[in-house]
Each structure stands twice: as C-alpha cells, then as structure tokens.
Protein backbone atom coordinates (compact mmCIF):
# COMPACT_ATOMS: atom_id res chain seq x y z
CA UNK A 1 1.89 6.09 -46.30
CA UNK A 2 3.46 6.56 -42.91
CA UNK A 3 7.42 6.20 -43.33
CA UNK A 4 8.39 6.79 -39.68
CA UNK A 5 6.35 6.82 -36.37
CA UNK A 6 7.33 9.76 -34.16
CA UNK A 7 6.94 9.16 -30.42
CA UNK A 8 6.96 11.90 -27.75
CA UNK A 9 7.61 10.89 -23.79
CA UNK A 10 6.05 13.01 -21.16
CA UNK A 11 8.01 12.22 -17.97
CA UNK A 12 11.33 10.40 -17.37
CA UNK A 13 10.94 8.97 -13.94
CA UNK A 14 11.73 5.36 -13.45
CA UNK A 15 9.07 3.96 -15.92
CA UNK A 16 10.04 6.79 -18.24
CA UNK A 17 13.52 5.98 -18.22
CA UNK A 18 13.01 2.20 -19.07
CA UNK A 19 10.75 3.21 -21.62
CA UNK A 20 13.12 5.65 -23.37
CA UNK A 21 15.66 2.73 -22.94
CA UNK A 22 13.62 0.22 -24.75
CA UNK A 23 12.46 2.67 -27.50
CA UNK A 24 16.14 3.76 -28.32
CA UNK A 25 18.13 0.30 -27.81
CA UNK A 26 15.61 -1.64 -29.37
CA UNK A 27 14.92 0.58 -32.38
CA UNK A 28 15.76 -2.12 -34.97
CA UNK A 29 13.55 -4.78 -33.56
CA UNK A 30 10.60 -2.33 -33.24
CA UNK A 31 11.02 -1.09 -36.73
CA UNK A 32 10.92 -4.64 -37.97
CA UNK A 33 8.01 -5.27 -35.88
CA UNK A 34 5.93 -2.23 -37.13
CA UNK A 35 7.35 -1.84 -40.65
CA UNK A 36 8.90 1.56 -40.35
CA UNK A 37 11.08 3.30 -37.83
CA UNK A 38 9.60 4.30 -34.66
CA UNK A 39 11.42 7.30 -33.46
CA UNK A 40 11.67 8.83 -29.85
CA UNK A 41 11.61 12.66 -30.99
CA UNK A 42 11.86 14.05 -27.49
CA UNK A 43 11.16 13.94 -23.73
CA UNK A 44 9.26 16.52 -21.80
CA UNK A 45 10.51 17.39 -18.36
CA UNK A 46 10.57 20.13 -15.71
CA UNK A 47 14.28 20.56 -16.25
CA UNK A 48 16.62 19.83 -18.90
CA UNK A 49 19.51 19.87 -16.79
CA UNK A 50 18.39 17.49 -14.00
CA UNK A 51 20.64 14.24 -13.54
CA UNK A 52 19.56 11.33 -15.45
CA UNK A 53 20.42 7.78 -16.51
CA UNK A 54 23.10 8.03 -19.29
CA UNK A 55 20.84 6.13 -21.92
CA UNK A 56 18.75 9.58 -22.19
CA UNK A 57 20.16 11.82 -24.60
CA UNK A 58 20.57 15.32 -23.38
CA UNK A 59 19.29 16.59 -26.74
CA UNK A 60 16.12 14.80 -26.43
CA UNK A 61 15.02 16.44 -23.42
CA UNK A 62 12.92 19.45 -23.37
CA UNK A 63 10.59 21.63 -21.08
CA UNK A 64 8.45 22.54 -24.13
CA UNK A 65 5.89 19.74 -23.88
CA UNK A 66 3.35 21.40 -26.23
CA UNK A 67 5.64 21.89 -28.96
CA UNK A 68 6.82 18.40 -28.40
CA UNK A 69 3.38 16.73 -28.82
CA UNK A 70 2.61 19.05 -31.86
CA UNK A 71 5.15 17.02 -33.92
CA UNK A 72 4.33 13.44 -32.53
CA UNK A 73 2.06 10.63 -34.00
CA UNK A 74 2.11 8.89 -30.49
CA UNK A 75 2.61 10.48 -26.86
CA UNK A 76 3.37 8.53 -23.96
CA UNK A 77 2.25 9.79 -20.61
CA UNK A 78 4.16 8.71 -17.55
CA UNK A 79 3.79 11.77 -15.28
CA UNK A 80 0.95 10.49 -13.25
CA UNK A 81 -1.92 12.17 -11.40
CA UNK A 82 -4.81 14.16 -12.80
CA UNK A 83 -3.17 17.53 -13.66
CA UNK A 84 -1.23 18.37 -15.86
CA UNK A 85 -1.60 15.09 -17.28
CA UNK A 86 -4.97 15.56 -18.28
CA UNK A 87 -4.42 18.71 -20.13
CA UNK A 88 -1.44 17.26 -21.92
CA UNK A 89 -3.38 14.28 -23.23
CA UNK A 90 -6.32 16.34 -24.28
CA UNK A 91 -4.05 18.67 -26.24
CA UNK A 92 -2.15 15.59 -27.80
CA UNK A 93 -5.37 14.29 -29.07
CA UNK A 94 -6.51 17.26 -30.27
CA UNK A 95 -3.64 17.76 -32.37
CA UNK A 96 -3.93 14.22 -33.89
CA UNK A 97 -1.75 12.08 -31.77
CA UNK A 98 -2.64 9.06 -30.17
CA UNK A 99 -1.86 8.20 -26.64
CA UNK A 100 -0.49 5.66 -24.34
CA UNK A 101 -0.57 6.31 -20.77
CA UNK A 102 -0.20 4.18 -17.29
CA UNK A 103 -2.11 6.71 -15.42
CA UNK A 104 -4.46 4.82 -13.34
CA UNK A 105 -5.51 7.52 -11.19
CA UNK A 106 -6.57 9.62 -14.09
CA UNK A 107 -8.26 6.83 -15.81
CA UNK A 108 -10.16 5.88 -12.77
CA UNK A 109 -11.38 9.26 -11.89
CA UNK A 110 -11.99 10.83 -15.54
CA UNK A 111 -11.57 8.29 -18.12
CA UNK A 112 -14.81 9.21 -19.96
CA UNK A 113 -13.18 12.50 -20.86
CA UNK A 114 -10.12 10.91 -22.59
CA UNK A 115 -12.17 8.32 -24.38
CA UNK A 116 -14.44 11.30 -25.82
CA UNK A 117 -11.48 13.17 -26.96
CA UNK A 118 -9.74 10.07 -28.68
CA UNK A 119 -13.07 9.38 -30.37
CA UNK A 120 -13.72 12.85 -31.53
CA UNK A 121 -9.85 13.04 -32.70
CA UNK A 122 -10.01 9.74 -34.23
CA UNK A 123 -6.93 8.43 -32.46
CA UNK A 124 -6.10 5.62 -30.17
CA UNK A 125 -5.94 5.40 -26.32
CA UNK A 126 -3.97 2.56 -24.93
CA UNK A 127 -3.21 2.03 -21.26
CA UNK A 128 -2.18 -1.62 -20.64
CA UNK A 129 0.43 -0.50 -18.08
CA UNK A 130 -2.28 1.30 -15.79
CA UNK A 131 -3.30 -2.08 -14.09
CA UNK A 132 -1.05 -4.73 -13.27
CA UNK A 133 2.17 -3.56 -14.64
CA UNK A 134 3.74 -5.98 -17.11
CA UNK A 135 0.55 -8.39 -16.90
CA UNK A 136 -1.07 -8.56 -20.15
CA UNK A 137 -4.78 -7.79 -18.44
CA UNK A 138 -6.38 -4.85 -20.19
CA UNK A 139 -6.34 -6.12 -23.72
CA UNK A 140 -7.51 -9.55 -22.91
CA UNK A 141 -10.50 -8.16 -20.98
CA UNK A 142 -11.61 -5.49 -23.80
CA UNK A 143 -10.51 -7.33 -26.75
CA UNK A 144 -9.88 -11.19 -26.30
CA UNK A 145 -13.14 -11.66 -24.13
CA UNK A 146 -15.19 -9.32 -26.12
CA UNK A 147 -17.35 -12.18 -27.41
CA UNK A 148 -18.09 -13.47 -23.89
CA UNK A 149 -19.77 -12.19 -20.87
CA UNK A 150 -17.67 -11.33 -17.83
CA UNK A 151 -19.29 -11.89 -14.45
CA UNK A 152 -16.59 -11.31 -11.86
CA UNK A 153 -12.81 -10.17 -11.55
CA UNK A 154 -11.05 -10.79 -8.32
CA UNK A 155 -7.42 -10.18 -7.92
CA UNK A 156 -4.14 -8.73 -5.93
CA UNK A 157 -3.44 -5.49 -8.18
CA UNK A 158 -1.40 -3.59 -5.75
CA UNK A 159 2.15 -4.98 -5.23
CA UNK A 160 2.88 -2.76 -2.00
CA UNK A 161 0.25 -4.32 0.11
CA UNK A 162 0.75 -7.75 -1.04
CA UNK A 163 4.40 -7.34 -0.03
CA UNK A 164 3.54 -5.92 3.33
CA UNK A 165 0.97 -8.59 3.94
CA UNK A 166 3.21 -11.28 2.99
CA UNK A 167 6.03 -9.99 5.37
CA UNK A 168 3.44 -9.85 8.28
CA UNK A 169 2.62 -13.43 7.41
CA UNK A 170 5.92 -14.90 6.99
CA UNK A 171 7.97 -12.82 9.80
CA UNK A 172 5.41 -12.00 12.17
CA UNK A 173 6.06 -8.28 11.90
CA UNK A 174 3.37 -5.69 12.63
CA UNK A 175 2.01 -3.32 9.86
CA UNK A 176 4.18 -0.39 10.44
CA UNK A 177 7.59 -2.20 10.36
CA UNK A 178 6.25 -4.32 7.12
CA UNK A 179 5.71 -1.06 5.48
CA UNK A 180 9.09 0.21 6.49
CA UNK A 181 10.49 -2.85 4.93
CA UNK A 182 8.61 -2.08 1.99
CA UNK A 183 9.99 1.49 1.73
CA UNK A 184 13.57 0.10 2.03
CA UNK A 185 13.24 -2.16 -1.02
CA UNK A 186 11.56 0.54 -3.15
CA UNK A 187 7.96 -1.03 -3.23
CA UNK A 188 6.58 1.81 -1.45
CA UNK A 189 6.72 5.66 -1.60
CA UNK A 190 7.73 7.78 1.34
CA UNK A 191 4.05 8.45 1.82
CA UNK A 192 2.57 4.98 1.43
CA UNK A 193 -1.19 6.34 1.75
CA UNK A 194 -2.27 5.38 -1.82
CA UNK A 195 -1.27 1.93 -1.35
CA UNK A 196 -2.07 1.02 2.17
CA UNK A 197 -5.36 2.83 2.18
CA UNK A 198 -6.38 1.15 -1.09
CA UNK A 199 -6.56 4.47 -3.24
CA UNK A 200 -4.44 2.74 -6.08
CA UNK A 201 -6.35 -0.52 -5.89
CA UNK A 202 -9.76 1.18 -6.24
CA UNK A 203 -8.62 3.31 -9.18
CA UNK A 204 -7.48 -0.04 -10.92
CA UNK A 205 -10.94 -1.62 -9.77
CA UNK A 206 -12.88 1.10 -11.56
CA UNK A 207 -10.67 0.65 -14.71
CA UNK A 208 -11.39 -3.23 -14.68
CA UNK A 209 -15.21 -2.73 -14.06
CA UNK A 210 -15.50 -0.09 -16.68
CA UNK A 211 -14.10 -2.54 -19.37
CA UNK A 212 -15.55 -5.83 -17.97
CA UNK A 213 -19.02 -4.69 -17.68
CA UNK A 214 -19.36 -1.92 -20.40
CA UNK A 215 -20.36 0.65 -18.09
CA UNK A 216 -18.73 3.83 -16.87
CA UNK A 217 -17.40 2.99 -13.49
CA UNK A 218 -15.08 5.75 -11.55
CA UNK A 219 -13.04 5.48 -8.66
CA UNK A 220 -15.62 7.08 -6.44
CA UNK A 221 -18.02 4.07 -7.04
CA UNK A 222 -15.57 1.62 -5.64
CA UNK A 223 -15.92 0.72 -2.07
CA UNK A 224 -12.87 1.27 -0.29
CA UNK A 225 -10.94 -0.28 2.69
CA UNK A 226 -7.20 -0.36 3.13
CA UNK A 227 -5.03 -2.62 5.18
CA UNK A 228 -4.36 -0.33 8.08
CA UNK A 229 -6.67 -1.91 10.43
CA UNK A 230 -4.95 -5.27 9.98
CA UNK A 231 -3.05 -6.56 13.13
CA UNK A 232 -0.31 -9.45 13.51
CA UNK A 233 -3.00 -11.14 15.56
CA UNK A 234 -5.35 -10.96 12.38
CA UNK A 235 -2.76 -12.48 10.36
CA UNK A 236 -2.14 -15.36 12.88
CA UNK A 237 -5.50 -16.25 13.12
CA UNK A 238 -5.70 -16.29 9.54
CA UNK A 239 -3.04 -18.72 9.44
CA UNK A 240 -4.65 -20.74 12.26
CA UNK A 241 -7.62 -21.10 10.18
CA UNK A 242 -5.73 -22.12 6.83
CA UNK A 243 -5.95 -18.80 5.24
CA UNK A 244 -3.93 -15.72 4.28
CA UNK A 245 -4.95 -11.96 4.25
CA UNK A 246 -4.77 -10.24 0.83
CA UNK A 247 -5.90 -6.83 0.03
CA UNK A 248 -8.44 -7.66 -2.92
CA UNK A 249 -10.25 -5.85 -5.95
CA UNK A 250 -13.37 -7.54 -6.61
CA UNK A 251 -15.71 -6.35 -9.26
CA UNK A 252 -18.83 -8.27 -10.02
CA UNK A 253 -22.12 -8.46 -11.94
CA UNK A 254 -24.86 -9.19 -9.32
CA UNK A 255 -28.67 -8.38 -8.87
CA UNK A 256 -29.64 -5.54 -6.72
CA UNK A 257 -31.70 -6.67 -3.65
CA UNK A 258 -35.40 -6.55 -4.34
CA UNK A 259 -35.09 -5.40 -7.86
CA UNK A 260 -33.79 -8.49 -9.82
CA UNK A 261 -32.11 -6.19 -12.11
CA UNK A 262 -28.20 -6.70 -12.63
CA UNK A 263 -25.67 -4.09 -11.42
CA UNK A 264 -22.09 -3.71 -10.56
CA UNK A 265 -20.50 -4.03 -7.16
CA UNK A 266 -16.78 -2.77 -7.09
CA UNK A 267 -15.10 -3.08 -4.00
CA UNK A 268 -11.34 -3.12 -2.61
CA UNK A 269 -10.70 -4.58 0.97
CA UNK A 270 -8.55 -6.92 2.76
CA UNK A 271 -9.98 -10.41 2.72
CA UNK A 272 -9.17 -14.14 3.96
CA UNK A 273 -8.11 -16.29 1.21
CA UNK A 274 -7.82 -19.92 1.72
CA UNK A 275 -4.59 -21.55 1.35
CA UNK A 276 -5.49 -23.79 -1.30
CA UNK A 277 -6.69 -20.94 -3.70
CA UNK A 278 -3.87 -19.81 -6.11
CA UNK A 279 -4.28 -16.18 -5.00
CA UNK A 280 -2.95 -17.26 -1.57
CA UNK A 281 0.36 -18.29 -3.00
CA UNK A 282 1.04 -14.79 -4.68
CA UNK A 283 4.23 -13.59 -2.79
CA UNK A 284 6.11 -10.48 -2.62
CA UNK A 285 5.15 -7.50 -4.77
CA UNK A 286 3.46 -9.66 -7.49
CA UNK A 287 -0.08 -9.28 -8.71
CA UNK A 288 -2.53 -12.05 -9.89
CA UNK A 289 -5.86 -11.54 -11.13
CA UNK A 290 -8.72 -14.00 -11.73
CA UNK A 291 -11.26 -13.29 -14.62
CA UNK A 292 -14.36 -15.25 -14.53
CA UNK A 293 -16.47 -15.34 -18.05
CA UNK A 294 -19.62 -17.28 -18.90
CA UNK A 295 -18.16 -19.27 -21.73
CA UNK A 296 -14.24 -19.06 -20.97
CA UNK A 297 -14.54 -19.84 -17.44
CA UNK A 298 -12.00 -18.81 -14.81
CA UNK A 299 -8.76 -17.32 -16.43
CA UNK A 300 -5.75 -16.24 -14.06
CA UNK A 301 -3.28 -13.51 -15.05
CA UNK A 302 0.08 -13.36 -12.88
CA UNK A 303 3.16 -11.68 -12.98
CA UNK A 304 5.09 -8.54 -11.89
CA UNK A 305 2.79 -5.58 -10.94
CA UNK A 306 5.09 -2.80 -10.66
CA UNK A 307 8.57 -1.65 -11.23
CA UNK A 308 10.20 0.27 -14.19
CA UNK A 309 11.23 -2.28 -16.37
CA UNK A 310 8.00 -4.55 -16.36
CA UNK A 311 5.69 -1.57 -16.60
CA UNK A 312 7.90 -0.08 -19.44
CA UNK A 313 7.45 -3.64 -21.31
CA UNK A 314 3.52 -3.01 -21.25
CA UNK A 315 4.00 0.77 -22.43
CA UNK A 316 6.00 -0.27 -25.14
CA UNK A 317 3.90 -2.94 -26.30
CA UNK A 318 1.02 -0.50 -26.70
CA UNK A 319 3.18 1.70 -28.80
CA UNK A 320 3.94 -1.02 -31.04
CA UNK A 321 0.07 -1.62 -31.46
CA UNK A 322 -0.75 1.93 -32.19
CA UNK A 323 2.14 2.13 -34.37
CA UNK A 324 0.85 -0.90 -36.50
CA UNK A 325 -2.37 0.98 -36.71
CA UNK A 326 -0.72 4.16 -38.11
CA UNK A 327 1.20 2.08 -40.70
CA UNK A 328 -1.50 -0.57 -41.88
CA UNK A 329 -4.58 1.41 -41.15
CA UNK A 330 -7.48 0.57 -38.38
CA UNK A 331 -7.92 1.82 -34.80
CA UNK A 332 -8.19 0.15 -31.42
CA UNK A 333 -11.39 -0.34 -29.65
CA UNK A 334 -13.44 2.85 -28.33
CA UNK A 335 -15.18 3.16 -24.91
CA UNK A 336 -17.80 0.43 -24.58
CA UNK A 337 -20.54 1.62 -22.31
CA UNK A 338 -23.54 0.27 -24.07
CA UNK A 339 -24.84 -1.96 -21.02
CA UNK A 340 -25.03 1.22 -18.68
CA UNK A 341 -25.57 -0.99 -15.55
CA UNK A 342 -26.51 0.54 -12.29
CA UNK A 343 -23.45 0.92 -10.07
CA UNK A 344 -24.68 -0.74 -6.65
CA UNK A 345 -23.23 -0.24 -3.11
CA UNK A 346 -21.40 -2.71 -1.16
CA UNK A 347 -24.52 -3.54 0.53
CA UNK A 348 -25.70 -5.67 -2.54
CA UNK A 349 -22.45 -7.61 -2.48
CA UNK A 350 -22.68 -11.32 -1.75
CA UNK A 351 -19.69 -12.53 0.25
CA UNK A 352 -18.71 -14.51 3.52
CA UNK A 353 -17.60 -13.31 6.85
CA UNK A 354 -15.15 -14.55 9.53
CA UNK A 355 -16.00 -12.70 12.72
CA UNK A 356 -14.11 -12.87 15.94
CA UNK A 357 -15.71 -11.84 19.14
CA UNK A 358 -14.95 -12.11 22.85
CA UNK A 359 -17.77 -13.05 24.91
CA UNK A 360 -18.80 -14.04 28.49
CA UNK A 361 -17.69 -17.54 29.14
CA UNK A 362 -21.17 -18.92 30.61
CA UNK A 363 -23.91 -21.28 29.24
CA UNK A 364 -26.43 -19.79 26.88
CA UNK A 365 -23.96 -17.18 25.37
CA UNK A 366 -23.61 -19.42 21.97
CA UNK A 367 -27.40 -19.62 21.68
CA UNK A 368 -27.44 -15.88 21.62
CA UNK A 369 -24.80 -15.35 19.28
CA UNK A 370 -26.28 -17.75 16.79
CA UNK A 371 -29.70 -16.17 17.25
CA UNK A 372 -28.33 -12.74 16.23
CA UNK A 373 -27.08 -14.27 12.86
CA UNK A 374 -30.44 -16.33 12.37
CA UNK A 375 -32.31 -12.87 13.03
CA UNK A 376 -30.67 -11.29 9.93
CA UNK A 377 -30.96 -14.45 7.71
CA UNK A 378 -27.27 -15.28 7.68
CA UNK A 379 -26.40 -18.91 7.90
CA UNK A 380 -23.49 -20.03 10.21
CA UNK A 381 -20.79 -22.37 8.53
CA UNK A 382 -18.61 -23.01 11.53
CA UNK A 383 -18.01 -21.89 14.97
CA UNK A 384 -15.03 -22.36 16.86
CA UNK A 385 -13.91 -21.59 20.64
CA UNK A 386 -10.41 -20.67 21.70
CA UNK A 387 -8.90 -21.26 25.18
CA UNK A 388 -10.75 -19.22 27.76
CA UNK A 389 -9.43 -16.00 29.32
CA UNK A 390 -10.77 -16.01 32.90
CA UNK A 391 -14.54 -15.35 32.48
CA UNK A 392 -13.99 -14.61 28.96
CA UNK A 393 -13.85 -16.87 25.64
CA UNK A 394 -13.08 -15.97 22.14
CA UNK A 395 -15.33 -17.09 19.47
CA UNK A 396 -14.62 -17.42 15.70
CA UNK A 397 -17.86 -17.46 13.56
CA UNK A 398 -17.49 -18.16 9.80
CA UNK A 399 -20.64 -17.77 7.68
CA UNK A 400 -22.15 -19.03 4.66
CA UNK A 401 -22.30 -16.31 1.53
CA UNK A 402 -24.84 -13.79 2.15
CA UNK A 403 -25.47 -10.41 1.18
CA UNK A 404 -23.44 -7.63 2.52
CA UNK A 405 -26.11 -5.67 4.37
CA UNK A 406 -27.33 -8.94 6.05
CA UNK A 407 -23.90 -9.60 7.40
CA UNK A 408 -23.14 -5.95 8.36
CA UNK A 409 -26.33 -5.89 10.35
CA UNK A 410 -25.50 -9.07 12.24
CA UNK A 411 -22.16 -7.51 13.11
CA UNK A 412 -23.75 -4.42 14.53
CA UNK A 413 -26.49 -6.57 16.37
CA UNK A 414 -23.51 -8.65 17.94
CA UNK A 415 -21.95 -5.43 19.21
CA UNK A 416 -25.06 -4.53 21.29
CA UNK A 417 -25.17 -8.15 22.97
CA UNK A 418 -24.66 -7.92 26.67
CA UNK A 419 -22.75 -11.07 26.52
CA UNK A 420 -20.39 -9.68 23.93
CA UNK A 421 -17.29 -8.27 25.47
CA UNK A 422 -15.66 -6.97 22.34
CA UNK A 423 -15.89 -7.58 18.39
CA UNK A 424 -12.02 -8.43 17.65
CA UNK A 425 -11.99 -8.46 13.99
CA UNK A 426 -14.56 -8.91 10.92
CA UNK A 427 -12.88 -10.01 7.78
CA UNK A 428 -14.51 -11.09 4.30
CA UNK A 429 -13.86 -14.48 2.82
CA UNK A 430 -13.24 -14.65 -0.80
CA UNK A 431 -12.16 -17.47 -3.20
CA UNK A 432 -13.63 -20.41 -1.34
C-alpha cells in the first residue's frame, strides 16, 4: 500500500513556480482527491541561492537532481528543451518514477524514446500541458476518443502568434511592432523565433498527429511555415474578403495521390479563416482546437494556451491522475502506434488557395489566368478585380478544394506568365 506519493520537480521557472504553489498550498485538497498525501519532496535547480518566489521553501531546492529523482514516485519535468531533460526523464523512469512533462520540443522530436522507457519501467508518462496549456486536449484525444476514429485536427496552438496576428488585424500594426507588443506583455520571448517561425506549433502538431492517428509522427515530419511573411496588406485583404489570418496546425488523415492508401499530412502555416468560423473569434493569446471524429463529429476545445498558472493546472491534473494509479493500481495508456500510417508530404494535402496577383490591365488577361488554373485541374470559385493602377490591375482568385501539389503548380505557372507582373500573396483557406 502507498501511504504517501512523493513528487520531485525539475525546473522552477514560471510554470514550475506555479506548479509548486499548487502542490504546497492545496496539499489537503490533493490528498483528499488521491487518498493519501501528495508531498513535494524537492525542486532541482542550477542554483540553490537564486532569488525565487517566497512560496518556494529554500530547503526544498537542490542542485542534486539525481538524488532527488531517486526518492520520488512522480517526477515533473519543466525545464524544456531536449537535453538535459531527456537524460533526466530516462533516469527517473529507470528508477521507477512516473513522469509528467510539459516539454513539447522533446516529445515532438523524440517521444518514442520516452514511451519505450515508460513501457520498459512499467510507469506512467503524462503530458497534458505540452499542447494547449490549460486546455484538456491530450486526454480527450488519447482516452475519450479511443473508441472513435479521428479524421482531422485543426487549431490555433500557439498563443504568441495568435496575439500578434490579432494585433495586426485590430490595430493595423505591422508584424515587427506587433511582436514587440507581444514581448512587452510577456507573450513572446526575447527571441521569438520558435513562435513566429512555427517551430512551437509544429512540435505540438506532431504530438497531436501521433495520438490521433496511432502512428509515430515527429516534428521533422510536419510541414512548417511561420508568420514572418505576413504583411499588414495581407491582413487588410483578409478583412476585405471576410476572413482573418491565423497560424494553424492541421493534422489529417487523407489518401495519398495515386495510391488510394490512407496516410497522414501534418502541417503548420498561416491560413485565412472565414469570419463565421469559431476559430476566427479566438482573440489574444488564447488557443482553440477542433477535433473531428467519424462518430463524435466536430469537437472544439478552447482556453488559455500558455501562462504559468493555466499550464500548472494541467501539470497538477496529471500528477493527481498518476497518484491515483499509484494508490489504487493501474496505469495510464501506453504509446499507440498500431496503425503505422505513412506520413505524407504537404503535396498530398487537400486545401484551398486565395491568390492575389498583379496583372496587365488589358483584354484577354483574365482568360490566361483562368487557363493556368484549368491546366492543373484547379477549379476557380471566385475572381475579384480591384481598382486599376495605371496599366496594371490586382486580381484576387479563390479556388475550390484541390490537392496542394496542383495548387502549387498553378502558382508556379502564374509566375511565368508574361501578363503577370507580380504574385502578391498566396494563402491557404481553412475552415470554410
């Protein structure tokens, strides 16, 4: 019988501090929910003497992480990055400790190694906070929908870029200024590359794809485009056509071109979302994710996707779940990869394009543009011409759904036409 669950915390940054606060200040509630006390036995940090929140007792802080994990039943890793986090977690599991982590980078790049170690040691591996912060998303996908077949997940999984794009849409700011605003509010790091270039969202997309489609998908499998090419002109045109621009993570089950066999496409990129779609109304640093399943239909998960307090809520929830397993018996789900579907490239994605081109303003030009689309089997939904600019005019073309390879080939052909002065922008349209 377990009479106390001992918890070790690796890392005491923003999320770590809030997690420690919950474990310490709500100890009585957690004990009532688990059935025995849940005791924070130590916090591993680089320095014992660094200045910290007063909620952190100095005698709990240690630089001896190995000694700490050796006496823990559950190890929480909130350091981030691949190393030394991976080494720490592998040693913790080898010593018989279950693990809670919010480390999307490690899970996205090398999740299978962690799963294998957890299975070999007979321990739990939980990571609700790795995607969506406080939003309950991981558990519903891998447990609540275990009897269903997920076909697609579409969502905003990076609060920083959502805040930046929202600022651009509401204030007319350019990208650089909107990023500075995000940094001033603490939504973006001093180096915002992981967010604005889509690396953070790509890691989360890989985690969701692996869970949803029972196949190993790593971050390198995810097609990634950031928001650094988005201009205030793009944002203005989006509003003009009844859309907003969002950085979306999309993972979906689709048939490979010419094979008929199902595969997975995982992608992160900016996209136009119609104003009537619920994702269009997700403001600020919030996250929202749509999960589409054959039997359950569309499900939406919405909430705070980042921040110390919300993320600590998800971490502590995982601790309670694992602690109950230790007290009552049982284990959480292991890695599910039975489907082993092929991971396809972006060329096999089915999507729509909105293309803005500057063309010569003379008769017959529209016919040449339309022929470029027809030559690649892409059907045009609408064409709109703006006011002329001397001898030039701007065309906005929206397509019907087609395979990405055909759409990309069409854009390439347009770029080679004599009547096309410039391709102003190419954006995918999702959620229509």
